[in-house]
Amino acid sequence: MSAPGVADGPSLAERLATVTDRVAEAARSAGRDPGELTTIVVTKFHPASLVRELHALGVRDFGENRHQEAREKAAELADLELTWHFIGQLQTKKARQAREYARVIHSIDREALVAALATGEPTVDCFLQVNLTDDPGRGGAAPAEVEALAESIAAAPALNLLGVMGVAPLGEEPRPAFARLRGIGERVARIVPGATSLSAGMSHDFAEAIAEGATHLRIGTAITGNRPARD
């Protein structure tokens, strides 16, 4: 069965298999073990039924970047064993609600968000999001701010820092951006030993991210197909 919004072309299973093979090939080309990588399937705007199809195909890690949609899907699919990754910008006032379903939050980028998530149950794994652009309006902490923010996260009892996350800027070759992110991640790991993971790479640039050490890939349309039209 094809994903919603995809009339013709490869099936969902075929797209998943193709991406899995490409991820493995990119890992081997970089001298890495494909087993080191976690592929998170981003299901933004797709119905819960697509998540069920992907679960039947063996997928367990799913990403959402809109809180309301993520919460509704998690509730509807509570009968499945899934790991939900919240990958979008998170409002401080919604942070505690996100903890109810998200086992991993990839977008910790400010002190207020750390404070909102510092205590409570359960403990949440997280990434410190870095802004790789020159635009301060984009999501992510400025590179100069990461050490202080990493210290705050490390001091928060209910947060477990896995590493850093970033999005390659539009109009820029992705690999140099991911190389910058890797370097920033090394700075963070000196402050929080063990926070060595790297959340980077999407449908169009995951090979470059893998070459620079990405451990968590956030892949949407290459697997799910085009997003359904919104009313």
N, C-alpha and C. Protein backbone atom coordinates (compact mmCIF):
# COMPACT_ATOMS: atom_id res chain seq x y z
N MET A 1 0.85 -1.20 0.00
CA MET A 1 0.00 0.00 0.00
C MET A 1 0.88 1.24 0.00
N SER A 2 0.60 2.18 -0.86
CA SER A 2 1.37 3.41 -0.90
C SER A 2 0.93 4.34 0.22
N ALA A 3 1.87 5.21 0.63
CA ALA A 3 1.54 6.19 1.67
C ALA A 3 0.51 7.16 1.12
N PRO A 4 -0.29 7.74 2.02
CA PRO A 4 -1.24 8.75 1.59
C PRO A 4 -0.53 9.86 0.84
N GLY A 5 -1.17 10.33 -0.23
CA GLY A 5 -0.57 11.40 -1.00
C GLY A 5 0.34 10.91 -2.11
N VAL A 6 0.53 9.58 -2.22
CA VAL A 6 1.38 9.02 -3.24
C VAL A 6 0.53 8.14 -4.13
N ALA A 7 0.24 8.59 -5.34
CA ALA A 7 -0.65 7.85 -6.23
C ALA A 7 0.05 6.70 -6.90
N ASP A 8 1.27 6.92 -7.36
CA ASP A 8 2.02 5.91 -8.08
C ASP A 8 3.44 5.84 -7.53
N GLY A 9 4.22 4.95 -8.12
CA GLY A 9 5.61 4.87 -7.71
C GLY A 9 5.83 3.78 -6.68
N PRO A 10 7.02 3.76 -6.10
CA PRO A 10 7.37 2.70 -5.16
C PRO A 10 6.42 2.66 -3.95
N SER A 11 6.23 1.48 -3.42
CA SER A 11 5.39 1.31 -2.24
C SER A 11 6.14 1.80 -1.01
N LEU A 12 5.42 1.92 0.09
CA LEU A 12 6.04 2.32 1.35
C LEU A 12 7.17 1.37 1.72
N ALA A 13 6.92 0.06 1.59
CA ALA A 13 7.94 -0.93 1.92
C ALA A 13 9.16 -0.77 1.03
N GLU A 14 8.94 -0.49 -0.25
CA GLU A 14 10.06 -0.31 -1.17
C GLU A 14 10.86 0.94 -0.84
N ARG A 15 10.18 2.03 -0.51
CA ARG A 15 10.90 3.25 -0.15
C ARG A 15 11.71 3.05 1.12
N LEU A 16 11.13 2.38 2.10
CA LEU A 16 11.84 2.10 3.34
C LEU A 16 13.08 1.26 3.07
N ALA A 17 12.94 0.24 2.25
CA ALA A 17 14.07 -0.64 1.94
C ALA A 17 15.16 0.13 1.20
N THR A 18 14.76 1.01 0.28
CA THR A 18 15.74 1.79 -0.47
C THR A 18 16.53 2.70 0.46
N VAL A 19 15.84 3.40 1.35
CA VAL A 19 16.53 4.29 2.28
C VAL A 19 17.43 3.49 3.22
N THR A 20 16.94 2.36 3.70
CA THR A 20 17.76 1.52 4.58
C THR A 20 19.05 1.11 3.89
N ASP A 21 18.94 0.73 2.63
CA ASP A 21 20.13 0.34 1.87
C ASP A 21 21.07 1.52 1.66
N ARG A 22 20.50 2.70 1.37
CA ARG A 22 21.34 3.89 1.15
C ARG A 22 22.05 4.32 2.43
N VAL A 23 21.36 4.21 3.56
CA VAL A 23 21.98 4.54 4.84
C VAL A 23 23.14 3.58 5.11
N ALA A 24 22.92 2.31 4.88
CA ALA A 24 23.97 1.32 5.11
C ALA A 24 25.16 1.57 4.19
N GLU A 25 24.89 1.89 2.93
CA GLU A 25 25.97 2.16 1.98
C GLU A 25 26.77 3.39 2.39
N ALA A 26 26.06 4.46 2.82
CA ALA A 26 26.75 5.67 3.25
C ALA A 26 27.60 5.40 4.49
N ALA A 27 27.08 4.59 5.40
CA ALA A 27 27.85 4.25 6.61
C ALA A 27 29.11 3.48 6.25
N ARG A 28 28.98 2.48 5.39
CA ARG A 28 30.16 1.70 5.01
C ARG A 28 31.17 2.56 4.27
N SER A 29 30.69 3.49 3.42
CA SER A 29 31.59 4.39 2.70
C SER A 29 32.37 5.28 3.66
N ALA A 30 31.78 5.57 4.80
CA ALA A 30 32.44 6.39 5.81
C ALA A 30 33.25 5.56 6.80
N GLY A 31 33.32 4.26 6.56
CA GLY A 31 34.06 3.38 7.46
C GLY A 31 33.35 3.14 8.77
N ARG A 32 32.02 3.21 8.73
CA ARG A 32 31.24 3.06 9.96
C ARG A 32 30.33 1.84 9.88
N ASP A 33 29.90 1.39 11.04
CA ASP A 33 28.98 0.27 11.14
C ASP A 33 27.55 0.81 11.00
N PRO A 34 26.78 0.33 10.01
CA PRO A 34 25.39 0.81 9.89
C PRO A 34 24.57 0.61 11.16
N GLY A 35 24.95 -0.38 11.97
CA GLY A 35 24.23 -0.64 13.21
C GLY A 35 24.37 0.46 14.23
N GLU A 36 25.31 1.40 14.01
CA GLU A 36 25.48 2.52 14.93
C GLU A 36 24.41 3.59 14.75
N LEU A 37 23.67 3.51 13.64
CA LEU A 37 22.78 4.60 13.26
C LEU A 37 21.33 4.30 13.62
N THR A 38 20.62 5.32 14.06
CA THR A 38 19.19 5.24 14.30
C THR A 38 18.47 6.09 13.26
N THR A 39 17.61 5.46 12.48
CA THR A 39 16.82 6.20 11.49
C THR A 39 15.45 6.50 12.09
N ILE A 40 15.16 7.77 12.23
CA ILE A 40 13.88 8.23 12.77
C ILE A 40 13.01 8.61 11.58
N VAL A 41 11.86 7.97 11.45
CA VAL A 41 10.97 8.28 10.34
C VAL A 41 10.04 9.43 10.76
N VAL A 42 10.14 10.54 10.04
CA VAL A 42 9.36 11.73 10.37
C VAL A 42 8.01 11.64 9.66
N THR A 43 6.94 11.64 10.44
CA THR A 43 5.60 11.40 9.91
C THR A 43 4.70 12.62 9.99
N LYS A 44 5.29 13.80 9.97
CA LYS A 44 4.54 15.05 10.02
C LYS A 44 3.44 15.08 8.95
N PHE A 45 2.24 15.40 9.38
CA PHE A 45 1.04 15.55 8.54
C PHE A 45 0.49 14.21 8.03
N HIS A 46 1.20 13.13 8.23
CA HIS A 46 0.69 11.83 7.79
C HIS A 46 -0.20 11.24 8.89
N PRO A 47 -1.19 10.44 8.51
CA PRO A 47 -2.10 9.87 9.52
C PRO A 47 -1.46 8.79 10.35
N ALA A 48 -2.10 8.49 11.47
CA ALA A 48 -1.60 7.43 12.35
C ALA A 48 -1.56 6.08 11.63
N SER A 49 -2.42 5.90 10.64
CA SER A 49 -2.43 4.63 9.91
C SER A 49 -1.10 4.37 9.22
N LEU A 50 -0.42 5.43 8.77
CA LEU A 50 0.89 5.24 8.14
C LEU A 50 1.90 4.77 9.17
N VAL A 51 1.83 5.29 10.38
CA VAL A 51 2.73 4.84 11.44
C VAL A 51 2.50 3.35 11.71
N ARG A 52 1.25 2.93 11.69
CA ARG A 52 0.96 1.50 11.89
C ARG A 52 1.59 0.65 10.77
N GLU A 53 1.49 1.14 9.55
CA GLU A 53 2.11 0.41 8.43
C GLU A 53 3.62 0.30 8.62
N LEU A 54 4.24 1.40 9.01
CA LEU A 54 5.68 1.40 9.22
C LEU A 54 6.07 0.51 10.39
N HIS A 55 5.27 0.52 11.44
CA HIS A 55 5.53 -0.37 12.56
C HIS A 55 5.50 -1.82 12.11
N ALA A 56 4.54 -2.16 11.26
CA ALA A 56 4.45 -3.53 10.74
C ALA A 56 5.67 -3.90 9.90
N LEU A 57 6.33 -2.88 9.34
CA LEU A 57 7.54 -3.10 8.55
C LEU A 57 8.81 -3.07 9.39
N GLY A 58 8.64 -2.92 10.71
CA GLY A 58 9.78 -3.00 11.61
C GLY A 58 10.29 -1.69 12.15
N VAL A 59 9.68 -0.56 11.77
CA VAL A 59 10.13 0.74 12.27
C VAL A 59 9.64 0.96 13.69
N ARG A 60 10.51 1.48 14.54
CA ARG A 60 10.12 1.75 15.93
C ARG A 60 10.36 3.20 16.34
N ASP A 61 11.19 3.93 15.60
CA ASP A 61 11.51 5.31 15.96
C ASP A 61 10.80 6.26 15.02
N PHE A 62 9.99 7.16 15.58
CA PHE A 62 9.20 8.10 14.79
C PHE A 62 9.42 9.52 15.30
N GLY A 63 9.41 10.47 14.35
CA GLY A 63 9.63 11.86 14.70
C GLY A 63 8.46 12.74 14.32
N GLU A 64 8.15 13.69 15.17
CA GLU A 64 7.10 14.68 14.92
C GLU A 64 7.64 16.04 15.34
N ASN A 65 7.17 17.10 14.66
CA ASN A 65 7.65 18.43 15.04
C ASN A 65 6.53 19.40 15.39
N ARG A 66 5.31 18.90 15.55
CA ARG A 66 4.21 19.74 16.00
C ARG A 66 3.59 19.06 17.22
N HIS A 67 3.57 19.78 18.34
CA HIS A 67 3.19 19.16 19.61
C HIS A 67 1.79 18.55 19.58
N GLN A 68 0.81 19.29 19.10
CA GLN A 68 -0.56 18.77 19.13
C GLN A 68 -0.69 17.51 18.30
N GLU A 69 -0.12 17.53 17.10
CA GLU A 69 -0.20 16.35 16.24
C GLU A 69 0.53 15.17 16.88
N ALA A 70 1.68 15.43 17.45
CA ALA A 70 2.45 14.36 18.09
C ALA A 70 1.69 13.74 19.25
N ARG A 71 1.09 14.58 20.07
CA ARG A 71 0.35 14.07 21.23
C ARG A 71 -0.84 13.22 20.80
N GLU A 72 -1.55 13.68 19.76
CA GLU A 72 -2.72 12.93 19.29
C GLU A 72 -2.32 11.59 18.69
N LYS A 73 -1.26 11.57 17.91
CA LYS A 73 -0.82 10.30 17.32
C LYS A 73 -0.34 9.33 18.41
N ALA A 74 0.41 9.85 19.36
CA ALA A 74 0.91 8.99 20.42
C ALA A 74 -0.24 8.36 21.20
N ALA A 75 -1.28 9.13 21.44
CA ALA A 75 -2.43 8.59 22.15
C ALA A 75 -3.15 7.54 21.32
N GLU A 76 -3.32 7.81 20.02
CA GLU A 76 -4.03 6.87 19.15
C GLU A 76 -3.26 5.57 18.96
N LEU A 77 -1.94 5.65 19.08
CA LEU A 77 -1.09 4.48 18.81
C LEU A 77 -0.48 3.93 20.09
N ALA A 78 -1.14 4.17 21.20
CA ALA A 78 -0.59 3.76 22.49
C ALA A 78 -0.47 2.25 22.63
N ASP A 79 -1.15 1.50 21.77
CA ASP A 79 -1.06 0.04 21.84
C ASP A 79 0.22 -0.51 21.22
N LEU A 80 0.97 0.36 20.53
CA LEU A 80 2.21 -0.08 19.88
C LEU A 80 3.43 0.32 20.70
N GLU A 81 4.48 -0.47 20.57
CA GLU A 81 5.75 -0.12 21.21
C GLU A 81 6.51 0.80 20.26
N LEU A 82 6.47 2.10 20.54
CA LEU A 82 7.11 3.09 19.69
C LEU A 82 7.99 4.01 20.52
N THR A 83 9.02 4.54 19.89
CA THR A 83 9.82 5.60 20.50
C THR A 83 9.54 6.88 19.74
N TRP A 84 8.90 7.84 20.41
CA TRP A 84 8.58 9.12 19.79
C TRP A 84 9.70 10.11 20.04
N HIS A 85 10.16 10.74 18.96
CA HIS A 85 11.19 11.78 19.01
C HIS A 85 10.52 13.11 18.66
N PHE A 86 10.60 14.09 19.54
CA PHE A 86 10.09 15.41 19.21
C PHE A 86 11.23 16.20 18.61
N ILE A 87 11.06 16.65 17.34
CA ILE A 87 12.17 17.25 16.61
C ILE A 87 11.94 18.71 16.24
N GLY A 88 10.77 19.26 16.59
CA GLY A 88 10.47 20.64 16.22
C GLY A 88 10.73 21.61 17.35
N GLN A 89 10.46 22.87 17.07
CA GLN A 89 10.60 23.89 18.11
C GLN A 89 9.51 23.68 19.16
N LEU A 90 9.90 23.66 20.40
CA LEU A 90 8.98 23.34 21.49
C LEU A 90 8.72 24.59 22.33
N GLN A 91 7.46 24.94 22.46
CA GLN A 91 7.09 26.06 23.32
C GLN A 91 7.34 25.68 24.78
N THR A 92 7.85 26.61 25.53
CA THR A 92 8.15 26.34 26.93
C THR A 92 6.91 25.87 27.68
N LYS A 93 5.75 26.49 27.40
CA LYS A 93 4.53 26.14 28.12
C LYS A 93 4.01 24.75 27.76
N LYS A 94 4.49 24.18 26.64
CA LYS A 94 4.07 22.84 26.23
C LYS A 94 5.09 21.77 26.61
N ALA A 95 6.19 22.17 27.21
CA ALA A 95 7.30 21.24 27.43
C ALA A 95 6.91 20.06 28.31
N ARG A 96 6.23 20.34 29.42
CA ARG A 96 5.87 19.24 30.31
C ARG A 96 4.88 18.28 29.66
N GLN A 97 4.01 18.80 28.79
CA GLN A 97 3.09 17.92 28.08
C GLN A 97 3.85 17.03 27.10
N ALA A 98 4.88 17.57 26.47
CA ALA A 98 5.68 16.78 25.53
C ALA A 98 6.35 15.60 26.23
N ARG A 99 6.71 15.79 27.49
CA ARG A 99 7.33 14.71 28.25
C ARG A 99 6.42 13.48 28.36
N GLU A 100 5.10 13.70 28.25
CA GLU A 100 4.16 12.60 28.41
C GLU A 100 4.26 11.55 27.31
N TYR A 101 4.73 11.96 26.12
CA TYR A 101 4.81 10.99 25.02
C TYR A 101 6.21 10.89 24.41
N ALA A 102 6.98 11.95 24.45
CA ALA A 102 8.29 11.95 23.78
C ALA A 102 9.36 11.34 24.68
N ARG A 103 10.00 10.32 24.18
CA ARG A 103 11.12 9.73 24.92
C ARG A 103 12.42 10.45 24.61
N VAL A 104 12.46 11.16 23.47
CA VAL A 104 13.64 11.93 23.09
C VAL A 104 13.18 13.28 22.55
N ILE A 105 13.78 14.36 23.03
CA ILE A 105 13.50 15.71 22.53
C ILE A 105 14.78 16.23 21.89
N HIS A 106 14.71 16.56 20.60
CA HIS A 106 15.91 16.94 19.84
C HIS A 106 16.15 18.44 19.81
N SER A 107 15.29 19.24 20.43
CA SER A 107 15.31 20.68 20.18
C SER A 107 15.46 21.52 21.45
N ILE A 108 16.29 21.09 22.38
CA ILE A 108 16.56 21.91 23.56
C ILE A 108 17.52 23.03 23.14
N ASP A 109 17.06 24.27 23.19
CA ASP A 109 17.87 25.36 22.65
C ASP A 109 17.90 26.62 23.52
N ARG A 110 17.35 26.54 24.74
CA ARG A 110 17.35 27.74 25.58
C ARG A 110 17.15 27.35 27.05
N GLU A 111 17.60 28.24 27.90
CA GLU A 111 17.56 27.98 29.34
C GLU A 111 16.12 27.80 29.85
N ALA A 112 15.17 28.56 29.32
CA ALA A 112 13.79 28.45 29.79
C ALA A 112 13.23 27.06 29.55
N LEU A 113 13.61 26.45 28.44
CA LEU A 113 13.14 25.10 28.13
C LEU A 113 13.78 24.09 29.06
N VAL A 114 15.04 24.27 29.36
CA VAL A 114 15.72 23.39 30.33
C VAL A 114 15.01 23.48 31.67
N ALA A 115 14.71 24.69 32.11
CA ALA A 115 14.05 24.88 33.41
C ALA A 115 12.69 24.19 33.43
N ALA A 116 11.95 24.26 32.31
CA ALA A 116 10.62 23.64 32.26
C ALA A 116 10.69 22.13 32.32
N LEU A 117 11.79 21.55 31.86
CA LEU A 117 11.93 20.09 31.79
C LEU A 117 12.87 19.53 32.85
N ALA A 118 13.39 20.39 33.71
CA ALA A 118 14.45 19.98 34.63
C ALA A 118 14.03 18.92 35.62
N THR A 119 12.76 18.96 36.01
CA THR A 119 12.27 17.99 36.99
C THR A 119 11.01 17.33 36.45
N GLY A 120 10.68 16.19 37.03
CA GLY A 120 9.47 15.48 36.61
C GLY A 120 9.79 14.07 36.17
N GLU A 121 8.76 13.36 35.81
CA GLU A 121 8.89 11.98 35.37
C GLU A 121 8.21 11.81 34.02
N PRO A 122 8.75 10.95 33.16
CA PRO A 122 10.01 10.24 33.32
C PRO A 122 11.19 11.11 32.88
N THR A 123 12.40 10.63 33.12
CA THR A 123 13.58 11.29 32.59
C THR A 123 13.54 11.22 31.06
N VAL A 124 13.92 12.30 30.41
CA VAL A 124 13.84 12.39 28.95
C VAL A 124 15.24 12.53 28.37
N ASP A 125 15.54 11.71 27.37
CA ASP A 125 16.77 11.90 26.61
C ASP A 125 16.61 13.13 25.73
N CYS A 126 17.69 13.85 25.49
CA CYS A 126 17.56 15.07 24.69
C CYS A 126 18.84 15.39 23.94
N PHE A 127 18.66 16.25 22.94
CA PHE A 127 19.76 16.81 22.19
C PHE A 127 19.73 18.33 22.36
N LEU A 128 20.89 18.93 22.37
CA LEU A 128 21.02 20.38 22.38
C LEU A 128 21.02 20.82 20.92
N GLN A 129 20.01 21.59 20.52
CA GLN A 129 19.94 22.04 19.13
C GLN A 129 20.82 23.26 18.92
N VAL A 130 21.61 23.21 17.86
CA VAL A 130 22.53 24.29 17.51
C VAL A 130 22.05 24.98 16.25
N ASN A 131 22.05 26.29 16.26
CA ASN A 131 21.71 27.08 15.07
C ASN A 131 22.96 27.18 14.20
N LEU A 132 22.92 26.57 13.02
CA LEU A 132 24.07 26.58 12.12
C LEU A 132 24.01 27.70 11.10
N THR A 133 23.05 28.60 11.25
CA THR A 133 22.92 29.75 10.34
C THR A 133 23.35 31.03 11.04
N ASP A 134 23.36 32.12 10.27
CA ASP A 134 23.65 33.43 10.85
C ASP A 134 22.38 34.17 11.26
N ASP A 135 21.25 33.51 11.14
CA ASP A 135 19.96 34.11 11.45
C ASP A 135 19.57 33.78 12.88
N PRO A 136 19.58 34.75 13.79
CA PRO A 136 19.24 34.46 15.19
C PRO A 136 17.79 34.06 15.38
N GLY A 137 16.95 34.27 14.35
CA GLY A 137 15.55 33.89 14.45
C GLY A 137 15.30 32.42 14.19
N ARG A 138 16.32 31.72 13.71
CA ARG A 138 16.16 30.29 13.47
C ARG A 138 16.25 29.52 14.77
N GLY A 139 15.71 28.32 14.79
CA GLY A 139 15.78 27.50 15.99
C GLY A 139 17.20 27.07 16.29
N GLY A 140 17.49 26.90 17.55
CA GLY A 140 18.80 26.43 17.96
C GLY A 140 19.57 27.48 18.72
N ALA A 141 20.43 27.01 19.60
CA ALA A 141 21.30 27.90 20.36
C ALA A 141 22.45 28.36 19.48
N ALA A 142 22.91 29.58 19.69
CA ALA A 142 24.10 30.06 18.99
C ALA A 142 25.30 29.24 19.44
N PRO A 143 26.25 28.98 18.53
CA PRO A 143 27.42 28.17 18.92
C PRO A 143 28.14 28.68 20.17
N ALA A 144 28.16 30.00 20.37
CA ALA A 144 28.84 30.55 21.54
C ALA A 144 28.12 30.22 22.85
N GLU A 145 26.87 29.79 22.75
CA GLU A 145 26.06 29.55 23.95
C GLU A 145 26.04 28.09 24.38
N VAL A 146 26.63 27.21 23.59
CA VAL A 146 26.38 25.78 23.83
C VAL A 146 26.99 25.27 25.13
N GLU A 147 28.17 25.76 25.50
CA GLU A 147 28.77 25.23 26.72
C GLU A 147 27.91 25.51 27.95
N ALA A 148 27.44 26.75 28.07
CA ALA A 148 26.61 27.11 29.22
C ALA A 148 25.31 26.32 29.21
N LEU A 149 24.72 26.16 28.03
CA LEU A 149 23.46 25.41 27.95
C LEU A 149 23.69 23.94 28.26
N ALA A 150 24.79 23.38 27.80
CA ALA A 150 25.10 21.97 28.10
C ALA A 150 25.26 21.76 29.60
N GLU A 151 25.88 22.72 30.27
CA GLU A 151 26.03 22.62 31.72
C GLU A 151 24.67 22.63 32.41
N SER A 152 23.76 23.48 31.93
CA SER A 152 22.43 23.54 32.52
C SER A 152 21.68 22.22 32.32
N ILE A 153 21.78 21.67 31.12
CA ILE A 153 21.10 20.40 30.85
C ILE A 153 21.68 19.30 31.74
N ALA A 154 22.98 19.27 31.85
CA ALA A 154 23.64 18.24 32.67
C ALA A 154 23.20 18.32 34.13
N ALA A 155 22.88 19.53 34.58
CA ALA A 155 22.47 19.72 35.97
C ALA A 155 21.00 19.45 36.20
N ALA A 156 20.24 19.25 35.13
CA ALA A 156 18.79 19.01 35.25
C ALA A 156 18.54 17.54 35.56
N PRO A 157 17.94 17.22 36.70
CA PRO A 157 17.78 15.82 37.10
C PRO A 157 16.97 14.97 36.12
N ALA A 158 16.02 15.59 35.41
CA ALA A 158 15.12 14.81 34.57
C ALA A 158 15.50 14.83 33.09
N LEU A 159 16.71 15.36 32.77
CA LEU A 159 17.17 15.38 31.39
C LEU A 159 18.47 14.60 31.27
N ASN A 160 18.59 13.86 30.19
CA ASN A 160 19.80 13.11 29.88
C ASN A 160 20.31 13.56 28.52
N LEU A 161 21.41 14.29 28.51
CA LEU A 161 21.92 14.86 27.26
C LEU A 161 22.64 13.80 26.44
N LEU A 162 22.13 13.59 25.22
CA LEU A 162 22.74 12.61 24.31
C LEU A 162 23.81 13.23 23.43
N GLY A 163 23.64 14.52 23.07
CA GLY A 163 24.57 15.16 22.16
C GLY A 163 23.95 16.40 21.55
N VAL A 164 24.31 16.70 20.30
CA VAL A 164 23.82 17.93 19.65
C VAL A 164 23.03 17.59 18.40
N MET A 165 22.16 18.52 18.02
CA MET A 165 21.33 18.39 16.82
C MET A 165 21.48 19.65 15.99
N GLY A 166 21.40 19.49 14.67
CA GLY A 166 21.43 20.65 13.80
C GLY A 166 20.83 20.36 12.45
N VAL A 167 20.45 21.44 11.75
CA VAL A 167 19.90 21.38 10.40
C VAL A 167 20.82 22.17 9.49
N ALA A 168 21.26 21.56 8.40
CA ALA A 168 22.13 22.27 7.47
C ALA A 168 21.38 23.45 6.85
N PRO A 169 22.00 24.62 6.78
CA PRO A 169 21.32 25.81 6.22
C PRO A 169 20.99 25.61 4.74
N LEU A 170 19.86 26.17 4.33
CA LEU A 170 19.50 26.16 2.93
C LEU A 170 20.51 26.99 2.14
N GLY A 171 20.83 26.53 0.94
CA GLY A 171 21.75 27.28 0.11
C GLY A 171 23.21 27.06 0.43
N GLU A 172 23.51 26.17 1.35
CA GLU A 172 24.88 25.87 1.72
C GLU A 172 25.13 24.38 1.53
N GLU A 173 26.33 24.02 1.11
CA GLU A 173 26.66 22.62 1.02
C GLU A 173 26.52 21.99 2.41
N PRO A 174 25.82 20.87 2.53
CA PRO A 174 25.54 20.36 3.87
C PRO A 174 26.75 19.83 4.63
N ARG A 175 27.70 19.22 3.92
CA ARG A 175 28.77 18.58 4.69
C ARG A 175 29.59 19.55 5.53
N PRO A 176 29.99 20.73 5.02
CA PRO A 176 30.69 21.67 5.90
C PRO A 176 29.87 22.09 7.12
N ALA A 177 28.56 22.22 6.93
CA ALA A 177 27.70 22.57 8.07
C ALA A 177 27.71 21.44 9.11
N PHE A 178 27.64 20.21 8.63
CA PHE A 178 27.66 19.08 9.56
C PHE A 178 29.04 18.94 10.22
N ALA A 179 30.08 19.32 9.50
CA ALA A 179 31.41 19.30 10.11
C ALA A 179 31.47 20.31 11.26
N ARG A 180 30.86 21.49 11.07
CA ARG A 180 30.80 22.47 12.16
C ARG A 180 30.03 21.90 13.35
N LEU A 181 28.91 21.25 13.04
CA LEU A 181 28.11 20.65 14.12
C LEU A 181 28.92 19.60 14.87
N ARG A 182 29.66 18.78 14.13
CA ARG A 182 30.48 17.76 14.79
C ARG A 182 31.49 18.41 15.74
N GLY A 183 32.12 19.50 15.27
CA GLY A 183 33.07 20.20 16.13
C GLY A 183 32.43 20.76 17.38
N ILE A 184 31.23 21.31 17.24
CA ILE A 184 30.49 21.82 18.40
C ILE A 184 30.13 20.67 19.33
N GLY A 185 29.77 19.53 18.75
CA GLY A 185 29.46 18.36 19.56
C GLY A 185 30.66 17.90 20.37
N GLU A 186 31.83 18.02 19.81
CA GLU A 186 33.03 17.64 20.55
C GLU A 186 33.25 18.57 21.74
N ARG A 187 32.91 19.84 21.57
CA ARG A 187 33.00 20.78 22.69
C ARG A 187 32.03 20.39 23.80
N VAL A 188 30.81 20.02 23.40
CA VAL A 188 29.80 19.62 24.39
C VAL A 188 30.24 18.36 25.12
N ALA A 189 30.82 17.42 24.38
CA ALA A 189 31.22 16.15 25.00
C ALA A 189 32.35 16.35 26.01
N ARG A 190 33.12 17.41 25.88
CA ARG A 190 34.15 17.69 26.89
C ARG A 190 33.53 18.16 28.20
N ILE A 191 32.33 18.73 28.09
CA ILE A 191 31.62 19.19 29.29
C ILE A 191 30.76 18.07 29.87
N VAL A 192 30.12 17.32 29.00
CA VAL A 192 29.24 16.22 29.42
C VAL A 192 29.75 14.93 28.77
N PRO A 193 30.68 14.25 29.41
CA PRO A 193 31.21 13.02 28.83
C PRO A 193 30.08 12.03 28.54
N GLY A 194 30.12 11.43 27.39
CA GLY A 194 29.05 10.52 26.99
C GLY A 194 28.02 11.15 26.09
N ALA A 195 28.00 12.50 26.02
CA ALA A 195 27.04 13.19 25.14
C ALA A 195 27.65 13.30 23.75
N THR A 196 27.83 12.16 23.11
CA THR A 196 28.58 12.09 21.86
C THR A 196 27.71 11.84 20.64
N SER A 197 26.41 11.78 20.80
CA SER A 197 25.53 11.50 19.66
C SER A 197 25.33 12.76 18.83
N LEU A 198 24.97 12.55 17.57
CA LEU A 198 24.80 13.65 16.63
C LEU A 198 23.52 13.42 15.84
N SER A 199 22.52 14.28 16.07
CA SER A 199 21.25 14.20 15.34
C SER A 199 21.35 15.14 14.15
N ALA A 200 21.51 14.56 12.96
CA ALA A 200 21.73 15.37 11.76
C ALA A 200 21.39 14.53 10.54
N GLY A 201 20.96 15.24 9.48
CA GLY A 201 20.68 14.56 8.23
C GLY A 201 19.21 14.29 8.02
N MET A 202 18.72 14.73 6.84
CA MET A 202 17.33 14.50 6.47
C MET A 202 17.30 13.80 5.11
N SER A 203 16.15 13.77 4.47
CA SER A 203 16.01 12.99 3.24
C SER A 203 17.04 13.34 2.19
N HIS A 204 17.39 14.63 2.07
CA HIS A 204 18.25 15.08 0.98
C HIS A 204 19.72 15.15 1.33
N ASP A 205 20.08 14.98 2.61
CA ASP A 205 21.49 15.17 2.98
C ASP A 205 21.99 14.19 4.03
N PHE A 206 21.30 13.05 4.18
CA PHE A 206 21.73 12.15 5.26
C PHE A 206 23.09 11.50 4.98
N ALA A 207 23.45 11.31 3.71
CA ALA A 207 24.76 10.71 3.41
C ALA A 207 25.89 11.62 3.90
N GLU A 208 25.74 12.93 3.67
CA GLU A 208 26.75 13.88 4.14
C GLU A 208 26.80 13.91 5.66
N ALA A 209 25.64 13.80 6.31
CA ALA A 209 25.61 13.78 7.77
C ALA A 209 26.30 12.54 8.31
N ILE A 210 26.06 11.40 7.68
CA ILE A 210 26.71 10.16 8.11
C ILE A 210 28.22 10.29 7.99
N ALA A 211 28.68 10.90 6.90
CA ALA A 211 30.12 11.07 6.70
C ALA A 211 30.75 11.91 7.80
N GLU A 212 29.96 12.78 8.45
CA GLU A 212 30.47 13.62 9.52
C GLU A 212 30.11 13.09 10.91
N GLY A 213 29.63 11.86 10.97
CA GLY A 213 29.45 11.23 12.28
C GLY A 213 28.05 11.20 12.83
N ALA A 214 27.04 11.53 12.02
CA ALA A 214 25.66 11.49 12.53
C ALA A 214 25.32 10.11 13.09
N THR A 215 24.61 10.11 14.19
CA THR A 215 24.14 8.85 14.79
C THR A 215 22.63 8.71 14.70
N HIS A 216 21.93 9.82 14.57
CA HIS A 216 20.47 9.83 14.49
C HIS A 216 20.05 10.62 13.25
N LEU A 217 19.37 9.96 12.32
CA LEU A 217 18.93 10.57 11.07
C LEU A 217 17.45 10.85 11.16
N ARG A 218 17.01 11.99 10.66
CA ARG A 218 15.60 12.38 10.71
C ARG A 218 15.07 12.39 9.27
N ILE A 219 14.50 11.30 8.82
CA ILE A 219 14.15 11.13 7.41
C ILE A 219 12.64 11.03 7.24
N GLY A 220 12.09 11.92 6.41
CA GLY A 220 10.66 11.96 6.18
C GLY A 220 10.27 11.50 4.80
N THR A 221 10.20 12.43 3.84
CA THR A 221 9.58 12.14 2.55
C THR A 221 10.25 11.03 1.76
N ALA A 222 11.54 10.82 1.92
CA ALA A 222 12.19 9.73 1.20
C ALA A 222 11.59 8.38 1.56
N ILE A 223 11.00 8.30 2.75
CA ILE A 223 10.35 7.06 3.18
C ILE A 223 8.84 7.18 3.09
N THR A 224 8.29 8.26 3.60
CA THR A 224 6.82 8.38 3.71
C THR A 224 6.15 8.81 2.42
N GLY A 225 6.92 9.39 1.51
CA GLY A 225 6.31 10.01 0.33
C GLY A 225 5.91 11.43 0.66
N ASN A 226 5.36 12.12 -0.34
CA ASN A 226 4.95 13.51 -0.14
C ASN A 226 3.88 13.62 0.95
N ARG A 227 3.95 14.72 1.67
CA ARG A 227 2.97 14.95 2.73
C ARG A 227 1.61 15.19 2.13
N PRO A 228 0.56 14.69 2.77
CA PRO A 228 -0.80 14.95 2.27
C PRO A 228 -1.10 16.43 2.28
N ALA A 229 -1.95 16.86 1.37
CA ALA A 229 -2.37 18.26 1.34
C ALA A 229 -3.13 18.61 2.61
N ARG A 230 -2.91 19.81 3.10
CA ARG A 230 -3.59 20.26 4.32
C ARG A 230 -4.75 21.16 3.92
N ASP A 231 -5.84 21.06 4.67
CA ASP A 231 -6.98 21.94 4.41
C ASP A 231 -6.67 23.36 4.82
